[in-house]
Amino acid sequence: MASHPVVAIVGATGAVGVELLHCLERRNFPLSRLKLLASARSAGKTMRFKGQDLTIEALEEASFEGVDLALFSAGSGISKRFAAAAVKAGAVVVDNSSAFRMDAEVPLVVPEVNGAAMAGHRGIVANPNCVAAIATMALAPLQARHAIRRLHAATYQAASGAGAAAMEELRQSTAAALRGEAFEPKVLPHPYAFNLFSHNAEMDPVTGYNGEELKVVAETRRIMGMPELPIGITCIRVPVLRAHAMALTVEFEEPVTPEQARAAFENAPGVKLVDDRERNYFPMPSDASGQDDVLVGRIRADLGDPSGRSVALFVVGDQLLKGAALNAVQIAEALLRR
């Protein structure tokens, strides 16, 4: 890849696309030119980048001529349709959809965790599911010091995971509830204001797990390089705009104290320890929103495991940043260094 590549954002007008634009500017990514691609209905509109108005172009197969790096964030159907055209045109694709995450020939990467995996890419690098990306940022420092045997997780997932329309529905439904007015949900299947509900991904009638839960299990195992890791998980939608939270209970092969677990995070890249028992101050979505780091805290022994092998912790990360756009840009930065 050129040291100052031509970059295209596919799905530039979506919630993650907007964050990709902001991340490229904020991190001063060394691009020579930026193309914004979206559906035909957005063509001709403009978006600001480094003080200039860039015109959005309609996405088509010919859009990737001269592009070195294509950041895809427009859903798996678009990725399956256009990623091959981008690679054929000479671009490296960093894809934020689920289209290629479990393809054995496509690296699934969180740079701080398994960045070396992208060395063998064949034109496409997959960006993980947001929960898997945030969770593995907390799991990897632990695994580096103490072998993990089992993981239990409960997630509390923000509206941003369902896109800009879900975020707007949360705003509107909350305003309606505060006015005492009825609100009919259109984006999500249940009332969102002052409510929480099981993640709306399709349910597997045999296992009772939904698609989000199964994705997190499969992708966490792949990122961590632990294909047999036992994982139990429950994914819940909560009325938060953009930061995902999760309660993790990690069981190790040998006894691990909370102090040992806490020490693993002190110098972990991309992780910020927020674990103040005296003030009862631990990771919160309000603090994580807009922040690059994943917040880790509430570290304590699991009282349900008298063997001393299990540690409980609370993890929060911005779904639009480390869970999506930031991770994609970090992959691109790592590709430039290769």
C-alpha atoms as a PDB file:
ATOM      1  CA  MET A   1       0.000   0.000   0.000  1.00  0.00           C
ATOM      2  CA  ALA A   2       1.176   3.532  -0.772  1.00  0.00           C
ATOM      3  CA  SER A   3       2.472   5.541   2.179  1.00  0.00           C
ATOM      4  CA  HIS A   4      -0.243   8.143   1.468  1.00  0.00           C
ATOM      5  CA  PRO A   5      -3.080   6.034   0.074  1.00  0.00           C
ATOM      6  CA  VAL A   6      -6.265   7.000  -1.694  1.00  0.00           C
ATOM      7  CA  VAL A   7      -8.982   6.002   0.772  1.00  0.00           C
ATOM      8  CA  ALA A   8     -12.664   5.257   0.168  1.00  0.00           C
ATOM      9  CA  ILE A   9     -15.361   4.997   2.839  1.00  0.00           C
ATOM     10  CA  VAL A  10     -18.249   2.790   1.777  1.00  0.00           C
ATOM     11  CA  GLY A  11     -21.380   3.682   3.728  1.00  0.00           C
ATOM     12  CA  ALA A  12     -20.080   7.130   4.586  1.00  0.00           C
ATOM     13  CA  THR A  13     -23.442   8.499   5.748  1.00  0.00           C
ATOM     14  CA  GLY A  14     -24.150   5.784   8.336  1.00  0.00           C
ATOM     15  CA  ALA A  15     -23.334   6.025  12.033  1.00  0.00           C
ATOM     16  CA  VAL A  16     -20.077   4.082  11.659  1.00  0.00           C
ATOM     17  CA  GLY A  17     -19.238   5.826   8.387  1.00  0.00           C
ATOM     18  CA  VAL A  18     -19.451   9.202  10.085  1.00  0.00           C
ATOM     19  CA  GLU A  19     -17.148   7.943  12.848  1.00  0.00           C
ATOM     20  CA  LEU A  20     -14.697   6.603  10.260  1.00  0.00           C
ATOM     21  CA  LEU A  21     -14.499  10.093   8.783  1.00  0.00           C
ATOM     22  CA  HIS A  22     -13.907  11.607  12.217  1.00  0.00           C
ATOM     23  CA  CYS A  23     -11.276   9.004  13.147  1.00  0.00           C
ATOM     24  CA  LEU A  24      -9.311   9.557   9.951  1.00  0.00           C
ATOM     25  CA  GLU A  25      -9.260  13.289  10.610  1.00  0.00           C
ATOM     26  CA  ARG A  26      -8.624  13.125  14.344  1.00  0.00           C
ATOM     27  CA  ARG A  27      -5.765  10.633  13.983  1.00  0.00           C
ATOM     28  CA  ASN A  28      -4.332  12.534  11.005  1.00  0.00           C
ATOM     29  CA  PHE A  29      -4.330   9.402   8.855  1.00  0.00           C
ATOM     30  CA  PRO A  30      -1.835  10.050   6.022  1.00  0.00           C
ATOM     31  CA  LEU A  31      -4.179   9.774   3.063  1.00  0.00           C
ATOM     32  CA  SER A  32      -3.685  11.572  -0.236  1.00  0.00           C
ATOM     33  CA  ARG A  33      -7.361  11.661  -1.206  1.00  0.00           C
ATOM     34  CA  LEU A  34     -10.666  10.585   0.319  1.00  0.00           C
ATOM     35  CA  LYS A  35     -13.698   9.273  -1.551  1.00  0.00           C
ATOM     36  CA  LEU A  36     -17.093   9.066   0.133  1.00  0.00           C
ATOM     37  CA  LEU A  37     -19.381   6.357  -1.223  1.00  0.00           C
ATOM     38  CA  ALA A  38     -22.999   5.671  -0.313  1.00  0.00           C
ATOM     39  CA  SER A  39     -26.345   4.797  -1.868  1.00  0.00           C
ATOM     40  CA  ALA A  40     -27.660   6.684  -4.878  1.00  0.00           C
ATOM     41  CA  ARG A  41     -30.076   8.650  -2.680  1.00  0.00           C
ATOM     42  CA  SER A  42     -27.120  10.237  -0.857  1.00  0.00           C
ATOM     43  CA  ALA A  43     -25.132  11.006  -4.001  1.00  0.00           C
ATOM     44  CA  GLY A  44     -24.449  14.712  -4.423  1.00  0.00           C
ATOM     45  CA  LYS A  45     -24.674  15.540  -0.740  1.00  0.00           C
ATOM     46  CA  THR A  46     -21.551  16.719   1.049  1.00  0.00           C
ATOM     47  CA  MET A  47     -19.689  15.890   4.259  1.00  0.00           C
ATOM     48  CA  ARG A  48     -16.938  17.907   5.960  1.00  0.00           C
ATOM     49  CA  PHE A  49     -13.388  16.592   6.191  1.00  0.00           C
ATOM     50  CA  LYS A  50     -10.452  18.732   7.323  1.00  0.00           C
ATOM     51  CA  GLY A  51     -12.348  21.924   6.612  1.00  0.00           C
ATOM     52  CA  GLN A  52     -13.467  20.938   3.123  1.00  0.00           C
ATOM     53  CA  ASP A  53     -16.781  19.749   1.722  1.00  0.00           C
ATOM     54  CA  LEU A  54     -16.467  16.360   0.028  1.00  0.00           C
ATOM     55  CA  THR A  55     -19.188  15.257  -2.365  1.00  0.00           C
ATOM     56  CA  ILE A  56     -20.690  11.830  -1.799  1.00  0.00           C
ATOM     57  CA  GLU A  57     -20.642   9.528  -4.819  1.00  0.00           C
ATOM     58  CA  ALA A  58     -23.045   6.687  -5.590  1.00  0.00           C
ATOM     59  CA  LEU A  59     -21.461   3.298  -4.905  1.00  0.00           C
ATOM     60  CA  GLU A  60     -20.842   1.132  -7.960  1.00  0.00           C
ATOM     61  CA  GLU A  61     -18.229  -1.421  -9.019  1.00  0.00           C
ATOM     62  CA  ALA A  62     -16.213   1.202 -10.877  1.00  0.00           C
ATOM     63  CA  SER A  63     -15.948   3.357  -7.736  1.00  0.00           C
ATOM     64  CA  PHE A  64     -12.690   1.741  -6.636  1.00  0.00           C
ATOM     65  CA  GLU A  65     -10.518   2.678  -9.589  1.00  0.00           C
ATOM     66  CA  GLY A  66      -7.344   4.190  -8.129  1.00  0.00           C
ATOM     67  CA  VAL A  67      -8.341   3.413  -4.527  1.00  0.00           C
ATOM     68  CA  ASP A  68      -5.669   1.894  -2.264  1.00  0.00           C
ATOM     69  CA  LEU A  69      -7.737   1.366   0.887  1.00  0.00           C
ATOM     70  CA  ALA A  70     -11.488   0.813   1.139  1.00  0.00           C
ATOM     71  CA  LEU A  71     -13.181   1.026   4.542  1.00  0.00           C
ATOM     72  CA  PHE A  72     -16.533  -0.761   4.261  1.00  0.00           C
ATOM     73  CA  SER A  73     -19.368  -0.053   6.675  1.00  0.00           C
ATOM     74  CA  ALA A  74     -22.604  -0.596   4.791  1.00  0.00           C
ATOM     75  CA  GLY A  75     -23.809  -4.068   5.812  1.00  0.00           C
ATOM     76  CA  SER A  76     -22.888  -7.598   4.793  1.00  0.00           C
ATOM     77  CA  GLY A  77     -24.916  -7.552   1.583  1.00  0.00           C
ATOM     78  CA  ILE A  78     -23.005  -4.555   0.233  1.00  0.00           C
ATOM     79  CA  SER A  79     -19.688  -6.056   1.330  1.00  0.00           C
ATOM     80  CA  LYS A  80     -20.391  -9.360  -0.388  1.00  0.00           C
ATOM     81  CA  ARG A  81     -21.393  -7.520  -3.549  1.00  0.00           C
ATOM     82  CA  PHE A  82     -18.611  -4.915  -3.792  1.00  0.00           C
ATOM     83  CA  ALA A  83     -15.570  -6.059  -1.781  1.00  0.00           C
ATOM     84  CA  ALA A  84     -14.319  -8.309  -4.578  1.00  0.00           C
ATOM     85  CA  ALA A  85     -14.524  -5.403  -7.035  1.00  0.00           C
ATOM     86  CA  ALA A  86     -12.464  -3.255  -4.667  1.00  0.00           C
ATOM     87  CA  VAL A  87      -9.801  -5.944  -4.289  1.00  0.00           C
ATOM     88  CA  LYS A  88      -9.735  -6.519  -8.044  1.00  0.00           C
ATOM     89  CA  ALA A  89      -9.127  -2.794  -8.535  1.00  0.00           C
ATOM     90  CA  GLY A  90      -6.090  -3.032  -6.247  1.00  0.00           C
ATOM     91  CA  ALA A  91      -7.540  -1.848  -2.941  1.00  0.00           C
ATOM     92  CA  VAL A  92      -7.164  -3.465   0.455  1.00  0.00           C
ATOM     93  CA  VAL A  93     -10.579  -3.784   2.101  1.00  0.00           C
ATOM     94  CA  VAL A  94     -11.185  -3.369   5.824  1.00  0.00           C
ATOM     95  CA  ASP A  95     -14.727  -4.639   6.271  1.00  0.00           C
ATOM     96  CA  ASN A  96     -16.909  -3.770   9.253  1.00  0.00           C
ATOM     97  CA  SER A  97     -19.759  -6.159   8.410  1.00  0.00           C
ATOM     98  CA  SER A  98     -20.238  -9.820   9.298  1.00  0.00           C
ATOM     99  CA  ALA A  99     -19.653 -10.902   5.691  1.00  0.00           C
ATOM    100  CA  PHE A 100     -16.109 -12.263   6.074  1.00  0.00           C
ATOM    101  CA  ARG A 101     -15.540 -12.574   9.811  1.00  0.00           C
ATOM    102  CA  MET A 102     -15.623 -16.367   9.877  1.00  0.00           C
ATOM    103  CA  ASP A 103     -13.932 -16.879   6.500  1.00  0.00           C
ATOM    104  CA  ALA A 104     -10.768 -18.863   7.221  1.00  0.00           C
ATOM    105  CA  GLU A 105      -8.879 -16.917   4.543  1.00  0.00           C
ATOM    106  CA  VAL A 106      -9.804 -13.495   5.949  1.00  0.00           C
ATOM    107  CA  PRO A 107      -8.047 -12.293   9.125  1.00  0.00           C
ATOM    108  CA  LEU A 108     -10.375 -11.127  11.916  1.00  0.00           C
ATOM    109  CA  VAL A 109      -8.347  -8.507  13.746  1.00  0.00           C
ATOM    110  CA  VAL A 110      -8.160  -6.412  16.882  1.00  0.00           C
ATOM    111  CA  PRO A 111      -4.687  -4.884  16.438  1.00  0.00           C
ATOM    112  CA  GLU A 112      -3.758  -4.861  20.136  1.00  0.00           C
ATOM    113  CA  VAL A 113      -4.804  -8.506  20.478  1.00  0.00           C
ATOM    114  CA  ASN A 114      -3.903 -10.370  17.274  1.00  0.00           C
ATOM    115  CA  GLY A 115      -2.451  -7.786  14.912  1.00  0.00           C
ATOM    116  CA  ALA A 116       0.020 -10.316  13.497  1.00  0.00           C
ATOM    117  CA  ALA A 117      -2.915 -12.186  11.938  1.00  0.00           C
ATOM    118  CA  MET A 118      -3.309  -9.582   9.185  1.00  0.00           C
ATOM    119  CA  ALA A 119       0.117 -10.424   7.749  1.00  0.00           C
ATOM    120  CA  GLY A 120      -1.398 -13.120   5.566  1.00  0.00           C
ATOM    121  CA  HIS A 121      -4.377 -11.187   4.255  1.00  0.00           C
ATOM    122  CA  ARG A 122      -5.489 -11.663   0.655  1.00  0.00           C
ATOM    123  CA  GLY A 123      -6.967  -8.226   0.140  1.00  0.00           C
ATOM    124  CA  ILE A 124      -9.601  -8.249   2.896  1.00  0.00           C
ATOM    125  CA  VAL A 125      -9.271  -7.789   6.658  1.00  0.00           C
ATOM    126  CA  ALA A 126     -12.404  -8.203   8.773  1.00  0.00           C
ATOM    127  CA  ASN A 127     -13.354  -5.883  11.618  1.00  0.00           C
ATOM    128  CA  PRO A 128     -14.974  -7.858  14.470  1.00  0.00           C
ATOM    129  CA  ASN A 129     -18.389  -7.676  16.054  1.00  0.00           C
ATOM    130  CA  CYS A 130     -18.382  -4.742  18.469  1.00  0.00           C
ATOM    131  CA  VAL A 131     -18.830  -6.862  21.600  1.00  0.00           C
ATOM    132  CA  ALA A 132     -16.068  -9.268  20.577  1.00  0.00           C
ATOM    133  CA  ALA A 133     -13.683  -6.377  19.854  1.00  0.00           C
ATOM    134  CA  ILE A 134     -14.310  -4.685  23.203  1.00  0.00           C
ATOM    135  CA  ALA A 135     -14.341  -7.911  25.225  1.00  0.00           C
ATOM    136  CA  THR A 136     -11.091  -9.228  23.790  1.00  0.00           C
ATOM    137  CA  MET A 137      -9.354  -5.966  24.701  1.00  0.00           C
ATOM    138  CA  ALA A 138      -9.997  -6.960  28.322  1.00  0.00           C
ATOM    139  CA  LEU A 139      -9.450 -10.695  27.893  1.00  0.00           C
ATOM    140  CA  ALA A 140      -6.119 -10.574  26.051  1.00  0.00           C
ATOM    141  CA  PRO A 141      -4.081  -8.950  28.862  1.00  0.00           C
ATOM    142  CA  LEU A 142      -5.450 -11.557  31.267  1.00  0.00           C
ATOM    143  CA  GLN A 143      -4.730 -14.463  28.918  1.00  0.00           C
ATOM    144  CA  ALA A 144      -1.170 -13.200  28.441  1.00  0.00           C
ATOM    145  CA  ARG A 145      -0.501 -13.805  32.154  1.00  0.00           C
ATOM    146  CA  HIS A 146      -3.006 -16.430  33.268  1.00  0.00           C
ATOM    147  CA  ALA A 147      -4.486 -19.148  31.058  1.00  0.00           C
ATOM    148  CA  ILE A 148      -8.254 -18.685  30.679  1.00  0.00           C
ATOM    149  CA  ARG A 149     -10.412 -21.786  30.997  1.00  0.00           C
ATOM    150  CA  ARG A 150     -13.964 -20.459  30.708  1.00  0.00           C
ATOM    151  CA  LEU A 151     -15.879 -17.191  30.145  1.00  0.00           C
ATOM    152  CA  HIS A 152     -19.319 -16.065  31.291  1.00  0.00           C
ATOM    153  CA  ALA A 153     -20.651 -12.789  29.863  1.00  0.00           C
ATOM    154  CA  ALA A 154     -23.720 -10.574  30.061  1.00  0.00           C
ATOM    155  CA  THR A 155     -23.755  -7.598  27.714  1.00  0.00           C
ATOM    156  CA  TYR A 156     -25.669  -4.331  27.908  1.00  0.00           C
ATOM    157  CA  GLN A 157     -25.642  -3.026  24.343  1.00  0.00           C
ATOM    158  CA  ALA A 158     -26.265   0.519  23.181  1.00  0.00           C
ATOM    159  CA  ALA A 159     -28.558   1.768  20.423  1.00  0.00           C
ATOM    160  CA  SER A 160     -25.598   2.572  18.162  1.00  0.00           C
ATOM    161  CA  GLY A 161     -25.113  -1.137  17.530  1.00  0.00           C
ATOM    162  CA  ALA A 162     -28.359  -1.064  15.547  1.00  0.00           C
ATOM    163  CA  GLY A 163     -27.373   2.064  13.607  1.00  0.00           C
ATOM    164  CA  ALA A 164     -28.221   5.739  13.446  1.00  0.00           C
ATOM    165  CA  ALA A 165     -31.951   5.050  13.075  1.00  0.00           C
ATOM    166  CA  ALA A 166     -32.023   3.142  16.379  1.00  0.00           C
ATOM    167  CA  MET A 167     -30.179   5.976  18.110  1.00  0.00           C
ATOM    168  CA  GLU A 168     -32.760   8.437  16.831  1.00  0.00           C
ATOM    169  CA  GLU A 169     -35.591   6.137  17.926  1.00  0.00           C
ATOM    170  CA  LEU A 170     -34.142   6.088  21.441  1.00  0.00           C
ATOM    171  CA  ARG A 171     -34.028   9.894  21.486  1.00  0.00           C
ATOM    172  CA  GLN A 172     -37.583  10.265  20.178  1.00  0.00           C
ATOM    173  CA  SER A 173     -39.096   7.546  22.361  1.00  0.00           C
ATOM    174  CA  THR A 174     -37.433   8.988  25.476  1.00  0.00           C
ATOM    175  CA  ALA A 175     -38.740  12.463  24.681  1.00  0.00           C
ATOM    176  CA  ALA A 176     -42.226  11.022  24.130  1.00  0.00           C
ATOM    177  CA  ALA A 177     -42.108   9.094  27.414  1.00  0.00           C
ATOM    178  CA  LEU A 178     -41.088  12.216  29.321  1.00  0.00           C
ATOM    179  CA  ARG A 179     -44.058  14.047  27.796  1.00  0.00           C
ATOM    180  CA  GLY A 180     -46.347  11.162  28.763  1.00  0.00           C
ATOM    181  CA  GLU A 181     -47.076  10.360  25.119  1.00  0.00           C
ATOM    182  CA  ALA A 182     -47.352   6.994  23.420  1.00  0.00           C
ATOM    183  CA  PHE A 183     -44.582   6.032  20.988  1.00  0.00           C
ATOM    184  CA  GLU A 184     -44.754   3.225  18.430  1.00  0.00           C
ATOM    185  CA  PRO A 185     -41.309   1.662  17.808  1.00  0.00           C
ATOM    186  CA  LYS A 186     -40.379   1.261  14.157  1.00  0.00           C
ATOM    187  CA  VAL A 187     -36.677   0.346  14.155  1.00  0.00           C
ATOM    188  CA  LEU A 188     -36.526  -2.031  17.102  1.00  0.00           C
ATOM    189  CA  PRO A 189     -39.205  -4.556  18.067  1.00  0.00           C
ATOM    190  CA  HIS A 190     -39.891  -3.317  21.612  1.00  0.00           C
ATOM    191  CA  PRO A 191     -40.258   0.013  23.426  1.00  0.00           C
ATOM    192  CA  TYR A 192     -36.773   1.383  24.049  1.00  0.00           C
ATOM    193  CA  ALA A 193     -37.152   4.321  26.450  1.00  0.00           C
ATOM    194  CA  PHE A 194     -36.705   3.262  30.100  1.00  0.00           C
ATOM    195  CA  ASN A 195     -36.658  -0.380  29.014  1.00  0.00           C
ATOM    196  CA  LEU A 196     -34.272  -3.178  28.139  1.00  0.00           C
ATOM    197  CA  PHE A 197     -34.824  -6.368  26.193  1.00  0.00           C
ATOM    198  CA  SER A 198     -33.069  -9.376  24.713  1.00  0.00           C
ATOM    199  CA  HIS A 199     -30.956  -8.510  21.667  1.00  0.00           C
ATOM    200  CA  ASN A 200     -33.174  -8.468  18.589  1.00  0.00           C
ATOM    201  CA  ALA A 201     -30.958 -10.712  16.423  1.00  0.00           C
ATOM    202  CA  GLU A 202     -32.695 -13.808  15.072  1.00  0.00           C
ATOM    203  CA  MET A 203     -33.188 -16.541  17.663  1.00  0.00           C
ATOM    204  CA  ASP A 204     -31.926 -20.086  17.194  1.00  0.00           C
ATOM    205  CA  PRO A 205     -34.954 -22.155  18.253  1.00  0.00           C
ATOM    206  CA  VAL A 206     -32.780 -25.165  19.122  1.00  0.00           C
ATOM    207  CA  THR A 207     -30.169 -23.583  21.415  1.00  0.00           C
ATOM    208  CA  GLY A 208     -32.196 -20.577  22.595  1.00  0.00           C
ATOM    209  CA  TYR A 209     -29.274 -18.275  21.747  1.00  0.00           C
ATOM    210  CA  ASN A 210     -29.713 -15.371  19.360  1.00  0.00           C
ATOM    211  CA  GLY A 211     -27.465 -14.543  16.419  1.00  0.00           C
ATOM    212  CA  GLU A 212     -25.617 -11.796  18.276  1.00  0.00           C
ATOM    213  CA  GLU A 213     -24.682 -14.158  21.085  1.00  0.00           C
ATOM    214  CA  LEU A 214     -23.502 -16.841  18.683  1.00  0.00           C
ATOM    215  CA  LYS A 215     -21.427 -14.292  16.728  1.00  0.00           C
ATOM    216  CA  VAL A 216     -19.729 -13.067  19.885  1.00  0.00           C
ATOM    217  CA  VAL A 217     -18.853 -16.619  20.914  1.00  0.00           C
ATOM    218  CA  ALA A 218     -17.418 -17.557  17.517  1.00  0.00           C
ATOM    219  CA  GLU A 219     -15.526 -14.294  16.973  1.00  0.00           C
ATOM    220  CA  THR A 220     -14.091 -14.091  20.492  1.00  0.00           C
ATOM    221  CA  ARG A 221     -12.706 -17.596  20.107  1.00  0.00           C
ATOM    222  CA  ARG A 222     -11.190 -16.711  16.736  1.00  0.00           C
ATOM    223  CA  ILE A 223      -9.600 -13.424  17.823  1.00  0.00           C
ATOM    224  CA  MET A 224      -8.157 -15.017  20.953  1.00  0.00           C
ATOM    225  CA  GLY A 225      -6.918 -18.065  19.034  1.00  0.00           C
ATOM    226  CA  MET A 226      -8.873 -20.304  21.435  1.00  0.00           C
ATOM    227  CA  PRO A 227     -11.306 -22.277  19.255  1.00  0.00           C
ATOM    228  CA  GLU A 228     -12.572 -24.463  22.105  1.00  0.00           C
ATOM    229  CA  LEU A 229     -12.984 -21.773  24.775  1.00  0.00           C
ATOM    230  CA  PRO A 230     -16.286 -22.428  26.633  1.00  0.00           C
ATOM    231  CA  ILE A 231     -18.357 -19.227  26.608  1.00  0.00           C
ATOM    232  CA  GLY A 232     -21.776 -18.579  28.084  1.00  0.00           C
ATOM    233  CA  ILE A 233     -23.391 -15.281  27.097  1.00  0.00           C
ATOM    234  CA  THR A 234     -26.579 -13.205  27.273  1.00  0.00           C
ATOM    235  CA  CYS A 235     -26.865 -10.077  25.077  1.00  0.00           C
ATOM    236  CA  ILE A 236     -29.304  -7.339  26.115  1.00  0.00           C
ATOM    237  CA  ARG A 237     -30.271  -4.034  24.487  1.00  0.00           C
ATOM    238  CA  VAL A 238     -30.255  -1.126  26.941  1.00  0.00           C
ATOM    239  CA  PRO A 239     -31.349   2.525  26.474  1.00  0.00           C
ATOM    240  CA  VAL A 240     -27.821   3.927  26.075  1.00  0.00           C
ATOM    241  CA  LEU A 241     -26.798   5.795  22.929  1.00  0.00           C
ATOM    242  CA  ARG A 242     -23.344   4.512  21.990  1.00  0.00           C
ATOM    243  CA  ALA A 243     -21.238   2.608  24.569  1.00  0.00           C
ATOM    244  CA  HIS A 244     -21.538  -1.146  25.142  1.00  0.00           C
ATOM    245  CA  ALA A 245     -21.070  -2.518  28.658  1.00  0.00           C
ATOM    246  CA  MET A 246     -20.459  -6.097  29.732  1.00  0.00           C
ATOM    247  CA  ALA A 247     -20.116  -8.063  32.929  1.00  0.00           C
ATOM    248  CA  LEU A 248     -17.460 -10.752  32.476  1.00  0.00           C
ATOM    249  CA  THR A 249     -16.614 -13.618  34.799  1.00  0.00           C
ATOM    250  CA  VAL A 250     -13.353 -15.210  33.739  1.00  0.00           C
ATOM    251  CA  GLU A 251     -12.335 -18.645  35.019  1.00  0.00           C
ATOM    252  CA  PHE A 252      -8.622 -19.483  34.858  1.00  0.00           C
ATOM    253  CA  GLU A 253      -6.681 -22.735  34.897  1.00  0.00           C
ATOM    254  CA  GLU A 254      -5.088 -21.737  38.205  1.00  0.00           C
ATOM    255  CA  PRO A 255      -6.149 -19.471  41.094  1.00  0.00           C
ATOM    256  CA  VAL A 256      -5.889 -15.748  40.254  1.00  0.00           C
ATOM    257  CA  THR A 257      -6.385 -12.930  42.728  1.00  0.00           C
ATOM    258  CA  PRO A 258      -8.107  -9.635  41.903  1.00  0.00           C
ATOM    259  CA  GLU A 259      -4.756  -7.916  42.470  1.00  0.00           C
ATOM    260  CA  GLN A 260      -3.114 -10.125  39.857  1.00  0.00           C
ATOM    261  CA  ALA A 261      -5.933  -9.448  37.404  1.00  0.00           C
ATOM    262  CA  ARG A 262      -5.734  -5.708  38.042  1.00  0.00           C
ATOM    263  CA  ALA A 263      -1.981  -5.733  37.401  1.00  0.00           C
ATOM    264  CA  ALA A 264      -2.579  -7.227  33.940  1.00  0.00           C
ATOM    265  CA  PHE A 265      -4.398  -4.056  32.849  1.00  0.00           C
ATOM    266  CA  GLU A 266      -2.033  -1.428  34.183  1.00  0.00           C
ATOM    267  CA  ASN A 267       0.066  -1.193  31.012  1.00  0.00           C
ATOM    268  CA  ALA A 268      -2.277  -2.839  28.525  1.00  0.00           C
ATOM    269  CA  PRO A 269      -2.517  -0.785  25.291  1.00  0.00           C
ATOM    270  CA  GLY A 270      -5.944   0.662  24.614  1.00  0.00           C
ATOM    271  CA  VAL A 271      -7.225  -0.191  28.102  1.00  0.00           C
ATOM    272  CA  LYS A 272      -7.905   2.215  30.967  1.00  0.00           C
ATOM    273  CA  LEU A 273      -8.290   0.906  34.505  1.00  0.00           C
ATOM    274  CA  VAL A 274     -11.285   2.484  36.287  1.00  0.00           C
ATOM    275  CA  ASP A 275     -11.546   0.655  39.582  1.00  0.00           C
ATOM    276  CA  ASP A 276     -12.109   3.021  42.516  1.00  0.00           C
ATOM    277  CA  ARG A 277     -13.832   1.122  45.316  1.00  0.00           C
ATOM    278  CA  GLU A 278     -13.674   4.008  47.782  1.00  0.00           C
ATOM    279  CA  ARG A 279     -15.750   6.264  45.529  1.00  0.00           C
ATOM    280  CA  ASN A 280     -17.779   3.395  44.034  1.00  0.00           C
ATOM    281  CA  TYR A 281     -16.520   4.611  40.655  1.00  0.00           C
ATOM    282  CA  PHE A 282     -16.285   2.034  37.902  1.00  0.00           C
ATOM    283  CA  PRO A 283     -16.650   1.963  34.083  1.00  0.00           C
ATOM    284  CA  MET A 284     -19.767   3.723  32.780  1.00  0.00           C
ATOM    285  CA  PRO A 285     -21.129   4.358  29.269  1.00  0.00           C
ATOM    286  CA  SER A 286     -21.210   8.093  29.969  1.00  0.00           C
ATOM    287  CA  ASP A 287     -17.438   8.042  30.488  1.00  0.00           C
ATOM    288  CA  ALA A 288     -16.628   5.625  27.664  1.00  0.00           C
ATOM    289  CA  SER A 289     -18.667   7.461  25.003  1.00  0.00           C
ATOM    290  CA  GLY A 290     -16.304   9.294  22.672  1.00  0.00           C
ATOM    291  CA  GLN A 291     -13.232   7.697  24.270  1.00  0.00           C
ATOM    292  CA  ASP A 292     -10.808   5.456  22.384  1.00  0.00           C
ATOM    293  CA  ASP A 293      -9.816   3.368  25.401  1.00  0.00           C
ATOM    294  CA  VAL A 294     -11.808   0.426  26.707  1.00  0.00           C
ATOM    295  CA  LEU A 295     -12.608   0.952  30.399  1.00  0.00           C
ATOM    296  CA  VAL A 296     -12.076  -1.979  32.771  1.00  0.00           C
ATOM    297  CA  GLY A 297     -12.936  -2.144  36.464  1.00  0.00           C
ATOM    298  CA  ARG A 298     -15.102  -3.624  39.239  1.00  0.00           C
ATOM    299  CA  ILE A 299     -12.426  -6.317  39.497  1.00  0.00           C
ATOM    300  CA  ARG A 300     -13.204  -8.808  42.242  1.00  0.00           C
ATOM    301  CA  ALA A 301     -13.126 -12.484  43.131  1.00  0.00           C
ATOM    302  CA  ASP A 302     -16.139 -14.509  42.029  1.00  0.00           C
ATOM    303  CA  LEU A 303     -17.743 -15.583  45.301  1.00  0.00           C
ATOM    304  CA  GLY A 304     -19.488 -18.378  43.432  1.00  0.00           C
ATOM    305  CA  ASP A 305     -16.177 -20.131  42.791  1.00  0.00           C
ATOM    306  CA  PRO A 306     -14.542 -21.191  46.076  1.00  0.00           C
ATOM    307  CA  SER A 307     -11.515 -22.518  44.162  1.00  0.00           C
ATOM    308  CA  GLY A 308     -10.277 -18.942  43.624  1.00  0.00           C
ATOM    309  CA  ARG A 309      -9.938 -19.488  39.872  1.00  0.00           C
ATOM    310  CA  SER A 310     -12.596 -16.965  38.798  1.00  0.00           C
ATOM    311  CA  VAL A 311     -12.479 -13.174  38.622  1.00  0.00           C
ATOM    312  CA  ALA A 312     -15.415 -10.882  37.816  1.00  0.00           C
ATOM    313  CA  LEU A 313     -15.013  -7.535  36.043  1.00  0.00           C
ATOM    314  CA  PHE A 314     -16.998  -4.839  34.265  1.00  0.00           C
ATOM    315  CA  VAL A 315     -15.967  -3.589  30.832  1.00  0.00           C
ATOM    316  CA  VAL A 316     -17.286  -0.623  28.805  1.00  0.00           C
ATOM    317  CA  GLY A 317     -16.250   0.575  25.354  1.00  0.00           C
ATOM    318  CA  ASP A 318     -17.578   2.978  22.751  1.00  0.00           C
ATOM    319  CA  GLN A 319     -19.384   0.809  20.207  1.00  0.00           C
ATOM    320  CA  LEU A 320     -18.829   3.279  17.373  1.00  0.00           C
ATOM    321  CA  LEU A 321     -15.112   3.653  18.139  1.00  0.00           C
ATOM    322  CA  LYS A 322     -13.255   0.583  19.435  1.00  0.00           C
ATOM    323  CA  GLY A 323     -16.289  -1.493  18.554  1.00  0.00           C
ATOM    324  CA  ALA A 324     -16.252  -0.326  14.928  1.00  0.00           C
ATOM    325  CA  ALA A 325     -14.631   2.745  13.310  1.00  0.00           C
ATOM    326  CA  LEU A 326     -11.556   3.193  15.496  1.00  0.00           C
ATOM    327  CA  ASN A 327     -10.622  -0.486  15.221  1.00  0.00           C
ATOM    328  CA  ALA A 328     -10.956  -0.301  11.432  1.00  0.00           C
ATOM    329  CA  VAL A 329      -8.698   2.754  11.239  1.00  0.00           C
ATOM    330  CA  GLN A 330      -6.189   1.095  13.561  1.00  0.00           C
ATOM    331  CA  ILE A 331      -6.135  -1.893  11.175  1.00  0.00           C
ATOM    332  CA  ALA A 332      -5.482   0.519   8.307  1.00  0.00           C
ATOM    333  CA  GLU A 333      -2.677   2.190  10.244  1.00  0.00           C
ATOM    334  CA  ALA A 334      -1.105  -1.213  10.909  1.00  0.00           C
ATOM    335  CA  LEU A 335      -1.358  -2.099   7.212  1.00  0.00           C
ATOM    336  CA  LEU A 336       0.547   1.087   6.342  1.00  0.00           C
ATOM    337  CA  ARG A 337       3.364   0.067   8.684  1.00  0.00           C
ATOM    338  CA  ARG A 338       3.823  -3.333   7.006  1.00  0.00           C
END
